[in-house]
Amino acid sequence: MCATELQTDNNLCGHCQTVSPNFSEVLYACKYESLASDWVLSLKFGQNIAITRLMAELLLPELNKIDDDYVLLPVPLHQSRLIKRGYNQAYEIALELSRLSNRKLFNSLRRSKKTQMQAQLKLNQRNANVKGAFSVTTELKQSKIILVDDVMTSGYTINECAKTLKIAGASDVKVLVFARKSL
């Protein structure tokens, strides 16, 4: 699930072996380091929404690997964080991807529980932080979803979103993030 580089042929690190992924695949444009991390931080905390166009253009080759019947769905922010920031960075990336690819964009996932920022927590606290934090506002019966976010670290947020989507009827969830970070 995470992007920890392994020295063995095992596909999952010790941490990830304790968590069953609720998504079938993770695709990303780059590793979360140097320039990519600057871009993500600029988007999240520097009000640089214009960077989402470039992020989407870099993600497009990965998106094109996924069948056309999958729809885009951004990872949501809690309403209080959305008001504070003024926008949801995952939604802005998904919107640009939708424009570039002509894919449908759903916005039917909500963060119904206010959580701490995952980056501020230790790894062993992250799963509990997001557990039960999401809800779905529309039926997703047999929908094929591409869950879009800016960065994936531990995978707990993405996994909880995917779990919620599958409970609501999604037949498959793939993950598309701009950057992946090793733990």
Protein backbone atom coordinates (compact mmCIF):
# COMPACT_ATOMS: atom_id res chain seq x y z
CA MET A 1 0.00 0.00 0.00
CA CYS A 2 2.65 2.50 0.98
CA ALA A 3 5.59 3.31 -1.24
CA THR A 4 8.26 1.84 1.00
CA GLU A 5 11.02 0.40 -1.17
CA LEU A 6 11.57 -3.24 -0.27
CA GLN A 7 14.75 -5.28 -0.37
CA THR A 8 12.80 -8.52 -0.94
CA ASP A 9 10.33 -9.86 -3.48
CA ASN A 10 7.49 -9.42 -0.97
CA ASN A 11 5.02 -6.87 -2.36
CA LEU A 12 4.07 -5.45 1.05
CA CYS A 13 6.15 -4.08 3.91
CA GLY A 14 5.50 -5.31 7.46
CA HIS A 15 3.18 -2.37 8.12
CA CYS A 16 1.10 -2.95 5.00
CA GLN A 17 0.81 -6.68 5.62
CA THR A 18 -1.47 -5.83 8.55
CA VAL A 19 -3.92 -3.86 6.36
CA SER A 20 -6.05 -5.28 3.55
CA PRO A 21 -6.21 -2.82 0.66
CA ASN A 22 -9.71 -1.90 -0.50
CA PHE A 23 -8.40 -0.73 -3.87
CA SER A 24 -7.04 -2.74 -6.77
CA GLU A 25 -4.23 -0.53 -8.04
CA VAL A 26 -2.25 2.65 -7.31
CA LEU A 27 -0.95 4.80 -10.14
CA TYR A 28 1.11 7.95 -9.65
CA ALA A 29 3.10 10.49 -11.65
CA CYS A 30 6.17 10.81 -9.42
CA LYS A 31 7.75 10.14 -6.06
CA TYR A 32 7.08 12.66 -3.31
CA GLU A 33 10.51 14.27 -3.20
CA SER A 34 12.22 17.53 -4.19
CA LEU A 35 10.19 19.34 -6.86
CA ALA A 36 7.07 17.17 -6.47
CA SER A 37 6.89 17.85 -2.74
CA ASP A 38 7.37 21.58 -3.41
CA TRP A 39 4.44 21.49 -5.84
CA VAL A 40 2.16 19.63 -3.42
CA LEU A 41 3.00 21.99 -0.55
CA SER A 42 2.52 24.98 -2.85
CA LEU A 43 -0.91 23.66 -3.81
CA LYS A 44 -2.00 22.75 -0.28
CA PHE A 45 -0.63 25.68 1.67
CA GLY A 46 0.41 28.31 -0.87
CA GLN A 47 -2.88 28.80 -2.71
CA ASN A 48 -1.20 27.75 -5.98
CA ILE A 49 -4.26 26.19 -7.65
CA ALA A 50 -2.77 26.83 -11.12
CA ILE A 51 -0.26 24.01 -10.51
CA THR A 52 -3.11 21.47 -10.75
CA ARG A 53 -3.09 21.80 -14.54
CA LEU A 54 0.54 20.68 -14.72
CA MET A 55 -0.07 17.93 -12.17
CA ALA A 56 -3.00 16.66 -14.25
CA GLU A 57 -0.94 16.74 -17.43
CA LEU A 58 1.74 14.63 -15.72
CA LEU A 59 -0.94 12.24 -14.41
CA LEU A 60 -2.67 11.86 -17.78
CA PRO A 61 -0.44 8.99 -19.06
CA GLU A 62 -1.25 7.06 -15.88
CA LEU A 63 -4.96 7.84 -16.17
CA ASN A 64 -4.94 6.60 -19.76
CA LYS A 65 -3.88 3.15 -18.50
CA ILE A 66 -7.32 2.80 -16.87
CA ASP A 67 -10.42 1.75 -18.83
CA ASP A 68 -12.73 4.56 -19.93
CA ASP A 69 -15.68 3.28 -17.86
CA TYR A 70 -13.98 4.38 -14.62
CA VAL A 71 -15.05 7.76 -13.21
CA LEU A 72 -12.95 10.26 -11.28
CA LEU A 73 -13.74 10.93 -7.62
CA PRO A 74 -11.56 13.17 -5.40
CA VAL A 75 -10.65 12.48 -1.79
CA PRO A 76 -12.73 15.00 0.18
CA LEU A 77 -11.73 17.52 2.81
CA HIS A 78 -13.82 18.08 5.92
CA GLN A 79 -16.03 21.16 5.58
CA SER A 80 -14.02 23.10 8.19
CA ARG A 81 -10.73 22.49 6.36
CA LEU A 82 -12.37 23.29 3.03
CA ILE A 83 -13.56 26.64 4.39
CA LYS A 84 -10.12 27.41 5.85
CA ARG A 85 -8.22 26.49 2.66
CA GLY A 86 -10.86 27.72 0.24
CA TYR A 87 -10.64 24.69 -2.06
CA ASN A 88 -10.03 20.95 -2.09
CA GLN A 89 -6.72 20.23 -3.81
CA ALA A 90 -7.78 16.69 -4.77
CA TYR A 91 -10.95 18.03 -6.37
CA GLU A 92 -8.96 20.63 -8.32
CA ILE A 93 -6.63 17.91 -9.68
CA ALA A 94 -9.60 15.67 -10.54
CA LEU A 95 -11.35 18.57 -12.26
CA GLU A 96 -8.32 19.21 -14.49
CA LEU A 97 -8.08 15.47 -15.24
CA SER A 98 -11.75 15.44 -16.19
CA ARG A 99 -11.23 18.38 -18.54
CA LEU A 100 -8.18 16.79 -20.17
CA SER A 101 -9.67 13.31 -20.52
CA ASN A 102 -13.43 13.93 -20.85
CA ARG A 103 -14.02 11.47 -18.00
CA LYS A 104 -16.95 11.90 -15.68
CA LEU A 105 -16.22 13.52 -12.34
CA PHE A 106 -18.23 12.42 -9.31
CA ASN A 107 -18.12 14.38 -6.07
CA SER A 108 -20.20 12.04 -3.94
CA LEU A 109 -17.73 11.21 -1.17
CA ARG A 110 -17.82 13.32 2.00
CA ARG A 111 -15.50 13.56 4.97
CA SER A 112 -18.19 13.41 7.64
CA LYS A 113 -15.81 13.30 10.61
CA LYS A 114 -13.27 16.02 11.34
CA THR A 115 -9.85 14.42 11.61
CA GLN A 116 -6.34 15.58 12.37
CA MET A 117 -4.01 16.03 9.42
CA GLN A 118 -2.42 12.64 8.75
CA ALA A 119 1.03 14.19 8.27
CA GLN A 120 0.97 15.35 11.91
CA LEU A 121 0.43 11.82 13.23
CA LYS A 122 2.66 8.83 13.81
CA LEU A 123 2.09 5.87 11.51
CA ASN A 124 0.36 3.81 14.22
CA GLN A 125 -2.19 6.64 14.80
CA ARG A 126 -3.21 7.23 11.19
CA ASN A 127 -5.61 4.32 10.68
CA ALA A 128 -7.66 5.18 13.78
CA ASN A 129 -7.68 8.85 12.78
CA VAL A 130 -9.57 8.23 9.52
CA LYS A 131 -11.64 5.20 10.55
CA GLY A 132 -15.29 5.95 9.82
CA ALA A 133 -14.45 9.46 8.59
CA PHE A 134 -16.13 9.18 5.18
CA SER A 135 -19.64 8.76 3.82
CA VAL A 136 -21.22 8.55 0.38
CA THR A 137 -23.99 10.90 -0.75
CA THR A 138 -25.22 8.92 -3.78
CA GLU A 139 -25.60 5.27 -4.66
CA LEU A 140 -22.58 3.88 -6.47
CA LYS A 141 -23.99 0.53 -7.55
CA GLN A 142 -21.40 -1.21 -9.73
CA SER A 143 -19.52 2.05 -10.34
CA LYS A 144 -15.85 1.82 -11.22
CA ILE A 145 -14.02 4.58 -9.38
CA ILE A 146 -10.66 6.30 -9.74
CA LEU A 147 -9.95 7.87 -6.37
CA VAL A 148 -7.86 11.02 -6.93
CA ASP A 149 -5.56 12.70 -4.41
CA ASP A 150 -2.45 14.84 -4.37
CA VAL A 151 -0.17 12.56 -2.36
CA MET A 152 -0.26 9.09 -0.80
CA THR A 153 1.92 8.21 2.17
CA SER A 154 0.69 5.45 4.49
CA GLY A 155 -2.38 4.77 2.35
CA TYR A 156 -4.75 4.84 5.31
CA THR A 157 -6.86 7.76 4.06
CA ILE A 158 -7.11 6.29 0.56
CA ASN A 159 -7.91 2.85 1.96
CA GLU A 160 -10.69 4.16 4.20
CA CYS A 161 -12.16 6.10 1.26
CA ALA A 162 -12.03 3.00 -0.94
CA LYS A 163 -13.65 0.90 1.80
CA THR A 164 -16.50 3.42 2.08
CA LEU A 165 -16.97 3.45 -1.70
CA LYS A 166 -17.08 -0.35 -1.90
CA ILE A 167 -19.61 -0.57 0.93
CA ALA A 168 -21.73 1.92 -1.06
CA GLY A 169 -21.64 -0.39 -4.08
CA ALA A 170 -18.56 0.49 -6.11
CA SER A 171 -17.38 -2.60 -7.97
CA ASP A 172 -13.75 -1.48 -8.17
CA VAL A 173 -11.61 1.35 -6.86
CA LYS A 174 -8.29 2.35 -8.36
CA VAL A 175 -6.11 5.10 -6.93
CA LEU A 176 -4.50 7.92 -8.90
CA VAL A 177 -2.24 10.28 -6.96
CA PHE A 178 0.17 12.90 -8.16
CA ALA A 179 2.95 11.74 -5.81
CA ARG A 180 3.75 8.76 -3.59
CA LYS A 181 5.81 9.09 -0.49
CA SER A 182 7.86 6.32 1.10
CA LEU A 183 7.37 5.85 4.81
